[in-house]
Amino acid sequence: MVLLILIFGTLDVGMLIFRYTVVSQGARQGARQAIVRGAMSTKLTKWGPAAYDGTAAGTDEIAQAIAPFLGGLNLNETNISIRWPNGSNEPERTVRVTVQTTYQPATLFLFGNPTWAVSAVSTMQVTH
C-alpha cells in the first residue's frame, strides 16, 4: 500500500510539474505576443494599455493567441491576466502576463481533497 501511494504521489508531482511548465510557457508566449502589439504596431492588432482579464477558452484575440500554448489544461479553468505596469504600451515600457490554473492531486484525497493554484508570470519590454 505504501509503495502504491509513493508511485501515485510521484505521478502527481510529475503532473504538477507538467502543469507548471505549460503555464510558464503560456505566460512567456503571451508576453512575447504582447510586446510586438504595442502602440507602434501597424500590421497586428494593438494590445493595451488597458488591463485584460479572461479565460483561455475565450473568443477574443488575446485568448486565441495564448490558448495554443496551453495544451493539456482545461481552458475554462485557466485565467489570463495582462497588465502594463507603466500604464502604457509604448516602446521601452513593460508588459506583465500572468497565467493561472488549478490542479487537484489524486493522491492527496487522504488529506481532504485539496486544490492547488498553479500560476506563472512573465514580464517583458514592449518592442514595437
N, C-alpha and C. Protein backbone atom coordinates (compact mmCIF):
# COMPACT_ATOMS: atom_id res chain seq x y z
N MET A 1 0.83 -1.20 0.00
CA MET A 1 0.00 0.00 0.00
C MET A 1 0.87 1.26 0.00
N VAL A 2 1.92 1.23 0.82
CA VAL A 2 2.82 2.39 0.88
C VAL A 2 3.50 2.59 -0.47
N LEU A 3 3.90 1.51 -1.11
CA LEU A 3 4.54 1.60 -2.42
C LEU A 3 3.59 2.21 -3.45
N LEU A 4 2.32 1.83 -3.43
CA LEU A 4 1.35 2.40 -4.36
C LEU A 4 1.16 3.89 -4.12
N ILE A 5 1.10 4.29 -2.87
CA ILE A 5 0.96 5.72 -2.55
C ILE A 5 2.18 6.49 -3.04
N LEU A 6 3.37 5.92 -2.87
CA LEU A 6 4.58 6.58 -3.36
C LEU A 6 4.60 6.69 -4.89
N ILE A 7 4.17 5.64 -5.57
CA ILE A 7 4.13 5.67 -7.03
C ILE A 7 3.13 6.70 -7.52
N PHE A 8 1.92 6.69 -6.98
CA PHE A 8 0.92 7.66 -7.41
C PHE A 8 1.28 9.07 -6.97
N GLY A 9 1.94 9.21 -5.83
CA GLY A 9 2.43 10.52 -5.40
C GLY A 9 3.46 11.07 -6.36
N THR A 10 4.34 10.19 -6.84
CA THR A 10 5.33 10.60 -7.83
C THR A 10 4.66 11.03 -9.12
N LEU A 11 3.63 10.31 -9.54
CA LEU A 11 2.88 10.69 -10.74
C LEU A 11 2.19 12.04 -10.54
N ASP A 12 1.65 12.28 -9.35
CA ASP A 12 1.02 13.57 -9.05
C ASP A 12 2.02 14.72 -9.12
N VAL A 13 3.19 14.53 -8.57
CA VAL A 13 4.22 15.57 -8.63
C VAL A 13 4.62 15.81 -10.08
N GLY A 14 4.72 14.75 -10.86
CA GLY A 14 5.03 14.89 -12.28
C GLY A 14 3.96 15.69 -13.02
N MET A 15 2.69 15.44 -12.71
CA MET A 15 1.60 16.20 -13.34
C MET A 15 1.63 17.66 -12.91
N LEU A 16 1.96 17.91 -11.65
CA LEU A 16 2.07 19.28 -11.16
C LEU A 16 3.19 20.02 -11.89
N ILE A 17 4.33 19.37 -12.07
CA ILE A 17 5.45 19.98 -12.79
C ILE A 17 5.08 20.21 -14.26
N PHE A 18 4.35 19.27 -14.85
CA PHE A 18 3.88 19.44 -16.23
C PHE A 18 2.99 20.67 -16.34
N ARG A 19 2.03 20.80 -15.43
CA ARG A 19 1.12 21.95 -15.47
C ARG A 19 1.88 23.26 -15.28
N TYR A 20 2.85 23.27 -14.37
CA TYR A 20 3.62 24.48 -14.16
C TYR A 20 4.43 24.83 -15.42
N THR A 21 4.98 23.84 -16.07
CA THR A 21 5.73 24.07 -17.30
C THR A 21 4.84 24.64 -18.40
N VAL A 22 3.65 24.09 -18.55
CA VAL A 22 2.71 24.57 -19.57
C VAL A 22 2.26 26.00 -19.25
N VAL A 23 1.95 26.27 -17.99
CA VAL A 23 1.52 27.61 -17.58
C VAL A 23 2.65 28.61 -17.79
N SER A 24 3.88 28.22 -17.47
CA SER A 24 5.04 29.10 -17.70
C SER A 24 5.22 29.40 -19.18
N GLN A 25 5.10 28.39 -20.00
CA GLN A 25 5.22 28.57 -21.44
C GLN A 25 4.11 29.49 -21.95
N GLY A 26 2.90 29.32 -21.47
CA GLY A 26 1.79 30.19 -21.88
C GLY A 26 2.02 31.64 -21.49
N ALA A 27 2.53 31.87 -20.28
CA ALA A 27 2.81 33.24 -19.85
C ALA A 27 3.92 33.85 -20.69
N ARG A 28 4.95 33.10 -20.97
CA ARG A 28 6.06 33.61 -21.77
C ARG A 28 5.63 33.92 -23.20
N GLN A 29 4.88 33.01 -23.79
CA GLN A 29 4.40 33.23 -25.16
C GLN A 29 3.39 34.38 -25.21
N GLY A 30 2.57 34.52 -24.18
CA GLY A 30 1.64 35.65 -24.11
C GLY A 30 2.38 36.97 -24.04
N ALA A 31 3.45 37.02 -23.26
CA ALA A 31 4.25 38.24 -23.17
C ALA A 31 4.93 38.52 -24.52
N ARG A 32 5.40 37.48 -25.17
CA ARG A 32 6.03 37.67 -26.49
C ARG A 32 5.01 38.21 -27.50
N GLN A 33 3.77 37.71 -27.43
CA GLN A 33 2.72 38.22 -28.32
C GLN A 33 2.41 39.68 -28.01
N ALA A 34 2.42 40.04 -26.73
CA ALA A 34 2.05 41.40 -26.32
C ALA A 34 3.13 42.42 -26.66
N ILE A 35 4.41 42.04 -26.61
CA ILE A 35 5.46 43.04 -26.84
C ILE A 35 5.53 43.49 -28.30
N VAL A 36 5.01 42.69 -29.21
CA VAL A 36 5.01 43.12 -30.60
C VAL A 36 3.69 43.76 -31.00
N ARG A 37 2.77 43.87 -30.07
CA ARG A 37 1.48 44.50 -30.32
C ARG A 37 1.34 45.79 -29.50
N GLY A 38 2.44 46.52 -29.41
CA GLY A 38 2.45 47.77 -28.66
C GLY A 38 1.82 48.92 -29.44
N ALA A 39 2.07 50.13 -28.98
CA ALA A 39 1.45 51.32 -29.55
C ALA A 39 1.87 51.56 -31.00
N MET A 40 3.05 51.11 -31.39
CA MET A 40 3.54 51.36 -32.75
C MET A 40 3.19 50.23 -33.72
N SER A 41 2.47 49.23 -33.30
CA SER A 41 2.13 48.10 -34.16
C SER A 41 1.23 48.56 -35.30
N THR A 42 1.57 48.18 -36.52
CA THR A 42 0.77 48.57 -37.68
C THR A 42 0.10 47.38 -38.35
N LYS A 43 0.77 46.24 -38.37
CA LYS A 43 0.22 45.07 -39.06
C LYS A 43 -0.58 44.16 -38.13
N LEU A 44 -0.32 44.24 -36.84
CA LEU A 44 -1.03 43.42 -35.86
C LEU A 44 -1.95 44.30 -35.03
N THR A 45 -2.99 43.72 -34.49
CA THR A 45 -3.89 44.45 -33.61
C THR A 45 -3.14 44.88 -32.37
N LYS A 46 -3.34 46.11 -31.93
CA LYS A 46 -2.66 46.61 -30.73
C LYS A 46 -3.32 46.04 -29.48
N TRP A 47 -2.48 45.66 -28.52
CA TRP A 47 -2.95 45.22 -27.21
C TRP A 47 -2.55 46.28 -26.20
N GLY A 48 -3.47 46.61 -25.31
CA GLY A 48 -3.14 47.51 -24.22
C GLY A 48 -3.35 48.96 -24.57
N PRO A 49 -3.14 49.86 -23.65
CA PRO A 49 -2.63 49.65 -22.30
C PRO A 49 -3.68 49.28 -21.26
N ALA A 50 -4.94 49.08 -21.69
CA ALA A 50 -5.97 48.67 -20.73
C ALA A 50 -5.68 47.25 -20.25
N ALA A 51 -5.92 46.99 -18.99
CA ALA A 51 -5.70 45.67 -18.41
C ALA A 51 -6.65 44.65 -19.04
N TYR A 52 -6.22 43.41 -19.08
CA TYR A 52 -7.03 42.34 -19.64
C TYR A 52 -7.12 41.20 -18.63
N ASP A 53 -8.31 40.70 -18.42
CA ASP A 53 -8.55 39.51 -17.60
C ASP A 53 -9.56 38.65 -18.34
N GLY A 54 -9.26 37.39 -18.50
CA GLY A 54 -10.18 36.49 -19.17
C GLY A 54 -9.72 35.05 -19.05
N THR A 55 -10.56 34.14 -19.54
CA THR A 55 -10.18 32.73 -19.53
C THR A 55 -9.55 32.38 -20.86
N ALA A 56 -8.76 31.34 -20.87
CA ALA A 56 -8.09 30.90 -22.09
C ALA A 56 -9.09 30.32 -23.09
N ALA A 57 -10.31 30.03 -22.65
CA ALA A 57 -11.33 29.49 -23.54
C ALA A 57 -12.12 30.60 -24.23
N GLY A 58 -11.76 31.86 -23.96
CA GLY A 58 -12.47 32.99 -24.54
C GLY A 58 -12.34 33.06 -26.05
N THR A 59 -13.20 33.88 -26.65
CA THR A 59 -13.21 34.01 -28.10
C THR A 59 -12.47 35.25 -28.57
N ASP A 60 -11.96 36.06 -27.66
CA ASP A 60 -11.26 37.27 -28.07
C ASP A 60 -9.85 36.95 -28.57
N GLU A 61 -9.21 37.92 -29.18
CA GLU A 61 -7.92 37.72 -29.83
C GLU A 61 -6.83 37.30 -28.85
N ILE A 62 -6.83 37.87 -27.66
CA ILE A 62 -5.77 37.56 -26.69
C ILE A 62 -5.87 36.10 -26.26
N ALA A 63 -7.07 35.65 -25.91
CA ALA A 63 -7.24 34.25 -25.51
C ALA A 63 -6.89 33.31 -26.64
N GLN A 64 -7.28 33.66 -27.86
CA GLN A 64 -6.99 32.81 -29.01
C GLN A 64 -5.50 32.75 -29.31
N ALA A 65 -4.76 33.82 -28.99
CA ALA A 65 -3.31 33.84 -29.24
C ALA A 65 -2.54 33.00 -28.23
N ILE A 66 -3.03 32.93 -26.99
CA ILE A 66 -2.31 32.23 -25.93
C ILE A 66 -2.77 30.78 -25.77
N ALA A 67 -4.02 30.48 -26.07
CA ALA A 67 -4.58 29.14 -25.85
C ALA A 67 -3.80 28.01 -26.52
N PRO A 68 -3.23 28.17 -27.72
CA PRO A 68 -2.50 27.05 -28.32
C PRO A 68 -1.27 26.60 -27.51
N PHE A 69 -0.77 27.46 -26.65
CA PHE A 69 0.40 27.12 -25.85
C PHE A 69 0.02 26.48 -24.51
N LEU A 70 -1.26 26.27 -24.28
CA LEU A 70 -1.74 25.73 -23.01
C LEU A 70 -2.30 24.33 -23.17
N GLY A 71 -1.67 23.54 -24.02
CA GLY A 71 -2.12 22.17 -24.27
C GLY A 71 -2.11 21.31 -23.02
N GLY A 72 -3.16 20.57 -22.81
CA GLY A 72 -3.25 19.69 -21.66
C GLY A 72 -3.96 20.31 -20.47
N LEU A 73 -4.31 21.59 -20.56
CA LEU A 73 -5.02 22.26 -19.46
C LEU A 73 -6.48 22.45 -19.83
N ASN A 74 -7.34 22.53 -18.82
CA ASN A 74 -8.73 22.87 -19.04
C ASN A 74 -8.80 24.38 -19.25
N LEU A 75 -9.07 24.81 -20.46
CA LEU A 75 -9.03 26.24 -20.79
C LEU A 75 -10.11 27.03 -20.06
N ASN A 76 -11.20 26.38 -19.68
CA ASN A 76 -12.25 27.08 -18.92
C ASN A 76 -11.79 27.41 -17.50
N GLU A 77 -10.81 26.68 -17.00
CA GLU A 77 -10.31 26.92 -15.65
C GLU A 77 -8.96 27.63 -15.65
N THR A 78 -8.53 28.10 -16.80
CA THR A 78 -7.24 28.77 -16.93
C THR A 78 -7.47 30.25 -17.19
N ASN A 79 -6.96 31.09 -16.31
CA ASN A 79 -7.14 32.54 -16.41
C ASN A 79 -5.89 33.22 -16.94
N ILE A 80 -6.12 34.22 -17.77
CA ILE A 80 -5.05 35.03 -18.34
C ILE A 80 -5.24 36.46 -17.88
N SER A 81 -4.16 37.06 -17.41
CA SER A 81 -4.19 38.45 -16.98
C SER A 81 -3.02 39.18 -17.62
N ILE A 82 -3.31 40.32 -18.26
CA ILE A 82 -2.26 41.12 -18.87
C ILE A 82 -2.32 42.52 -18.28
N ARG A 83 -1.18 43.00 -17.81
CA ARG A 83 -1.07 44.33 -17.21
C ARG A 83 0.11 45.07 -17.83
N TRP A 84 -0.02 46.35 -17.93
CA TRP A 84 1.07 47.23 -18.35
C TRP A 84 1.46 48.05 -17.13
N PRO A 85 2.47 47.61 -16.38
CA PRO A 85 2.83 48.26 -15.11
C PRO A 85 3.14 49.75 -15.23
N ASN A 86 3.65 50.19 -16.39
CA ASN A 86 3.97 51.59 -16.58
C ASN A 86 2.78 52.40 -17.09
N GLY A 87 1.64 51.73 -17.29
CA GLY A 87 0.44 52.42 -17.75
C GLY A 87 0.43 52.76 -19.22
N SER A 88 1.32 52.17 -20.00
CA SER A 88 1.42 52.49 -21.41
C SER A 88 1.92 51.28 -22.18
N ASN A 89 1.52 51.22 -23.45
CA ASN A 89 2.04 50.17 -24.33
C ASN A 89 3.03 50.74 -25.33
N GLU A 90 3.65 51.86 -24.99
CA GLU A 90 4.68 52.47 -25.81
C GLU A 90 5.97 51.62 -25.76
N PRO A 91 6.84 51.75 -26.76
CA PRO A 91 8.12 51.03 -26.71
C PRO A 91 8.92 51.39 -25.47
N GLU A 92 9.68 50.46 -25.00
CA GLU A 92 10.53 50.57 -23.80
C GLU A 92 9.73 50.43 -22.49
N ARG A 93 8.42 50.31 -22.56
CA ARG A 93 7.60 50.05 -21.37
C ARG A 93 7.50 48.54 -21.19
N THR A 94 6.93 48.10 -20.08
CA THR A 94 6.85 46.67 -19.83
C THR A 94 5.42 46.17 -19.88
N VAL A 95 5.30 44.88 -20.14
CA VAL A 95 4.02 44.19 -20.09
C VAL A 95 4.21 42.97 -19.20
N ARG A 96 3.22 42.66 -18.39
CA ARG A 96 3.28 41.52 -17.48
C ARG A 96 2.08 40.61 -17.75
N VAL A 97 2.37 39.38 -18.10
CA VAL A 97 1.33 38.39 -18.39
C VAL A 97 1.35 37.33 -17.29
N THR A 98 0.18 37.07 -16.73
CA THR A 98 0.02 36.05 -15.69
C THR A 98 -0.96 35.01 -16.20
N VAL A 99 -0.59 33.76 -16.10
CA VAL A 99 -1.47 32.65 -16.45
C VAL A 99 -1.63 31.79 -15.20
N GLN A 100 -2.88 31.48 -14.87
CA GLN A 100 -3.16 30.73 -13.65
C GLN A 100 -4.20 29.65 -13.92
N THR A 101 -3.96 28.47 -13.33
CA THR A 101 -4.91 27.37 -13.41
C THR A 101 -4.91 26.64 -12.08
N THR A 102 -5.68 25.60 -11.96
CA THR A 102 -5.74 24.82 -10.72
C THR A 102 -5.33 23.38 -11.00
N TYR A 103 -4.93 22.71 -9.94
CA TYR A 103 -4.56 21.30 -10.04
C TYR A 103 -5.07 20.59 -8.79
N GLN A 104 -5.76 19.49 -9.00
CA GLN A 104 -6.28 18.70 -7.89
C GLN A 104 -5.57 17.35 -7.90
N PRO A 105 -4.60 17.16 -6.98
CA PRO A 105 -3.85 15.91 -6.95
C PRO A 105 -4.75 14.72 -6.61
N ALA A 106 -4.45 13.58 -7.21
CA ALA A 106 -5.25 12.38 -6.98
C ALA A 106 -4.92 11.72 -5.65
N THR A 107 -3.67 11.78 -5.21
CA THR A 107 -3.29 11.04 -4.00
C THR A 107 -3.51 11.81 -2.71
N LEU A 108 -3.80 13.07 -2.80
CA LEU A 108 -3.99 13.83 -1.56
C LEU A 108 -5.41 13.75 -1.03
N PHE A 109 -6.22 12.84 -1.59
CA PHE A 109 -7.56 12.64 -1.05
C PHE A 109 -7.48 12.19 0.41
N LEU A 110 -6.34 11.63 0.77
CA LEU A 110 -6.14 11.21 2.16
C LEU A 110 -6.15 12.40 3.12
N PHE A 111 -5.83 13.58 2.60
CA PHE A 111 -5.70 14.76 3.44
C PHE A 111 -6.82 15.77 3.23
N GLY A 112 -7.86 15.42 2.51
CA GLY A 112 -9.01 16.31 2.40
C GLY A 112 -9.29 16.89 1.03
N ASN A 113 -8.78 16.31 -0.05
CA ASN A 113 -9.12 16.72 -1.41
C ASN A 113 -8.79 18.19 -1.70
N PRO A 114 -7.52 18.58 -1.59
CA PRO A 114 -7.16 19.99 -1.82
C PRO A 114 -7.08 20.33 -3.31
N THR A 115 -7.16 21.61 -3.61
CA THR A 115 -6.94 22.11 -4.96
C THR A 115 -5.83 23.15 -4.88
N TRP A 116 -4.83 23.00 -5.71
CA TRP A 116 -3.68 23.91 -5.69
C TRP A 116 -3.76 24.86 -6.87
N ALA A 117 -3.37 26.10 -6.63
CA ALA A 117 -3.27 27.08 -7.71
C ALA A 117 -1.87 26.99 -8.32
N VAL A 118 -1.83 26.94 -9.64
CA VAL A 118 -0.57 26.91 -10.37
C VAL A 118 -0.55 28.16 -11.24
N SER A 119 0.45 29.01 -11.04
CA SER A 119 0.49 30.24 -11.84
C SER A 119 1.92 30.57 -12.22
N ALA A 120 2.05 31.36 -13.28
CA ALA A 120 3.34 31.83 -13.76
C ALA A 120 3.18 33.25 -14.26
N VAL A 121 4.23 34.05 -14.09
CA VAL A 121 4.23 35.44 -14.53
C VAL A 121 5.44 35.67 -15.43
N SER A 122 5.20 36.38 -16.52
CA SER A 122 6.30 36.74 -17.42
C SER A 122 6.22 38.24 -17.69
N THR A 123 7.32 38.93 -17.52
CA THR A 123 7.39 40.37 -17.77
C THR A 123 8.42 40.63 -18.85
N MET A 124 8.03 41.38 -19.88
CA MET A 124 8.93 41.71 -20.97
C MET A 124 8.76 43.17 -21.36
N GLN A 125 9.73 43.67 -22.08
CA GLN A 125 9.73 45.06 -22.52
C GLN A 125 9.08 45.16 -23.91
N VAL A 126 8.15 46.11 -24.07
CA VAL A 126 7.48 46.31 -25.35
C VAL A 126 8.51 46.79 -26.37
N THR A 127 8.52 46.15 -27.52
CA THR A 127 9.49 46.49 -28.54
C THR A 127 8.89 47.24 -29.72
N HIS A 128 7.60 47.08 -29.95
CA HIS A 128 7.02 47.72 -31.13
C HIS A 128 5.59 48.08 -30.90
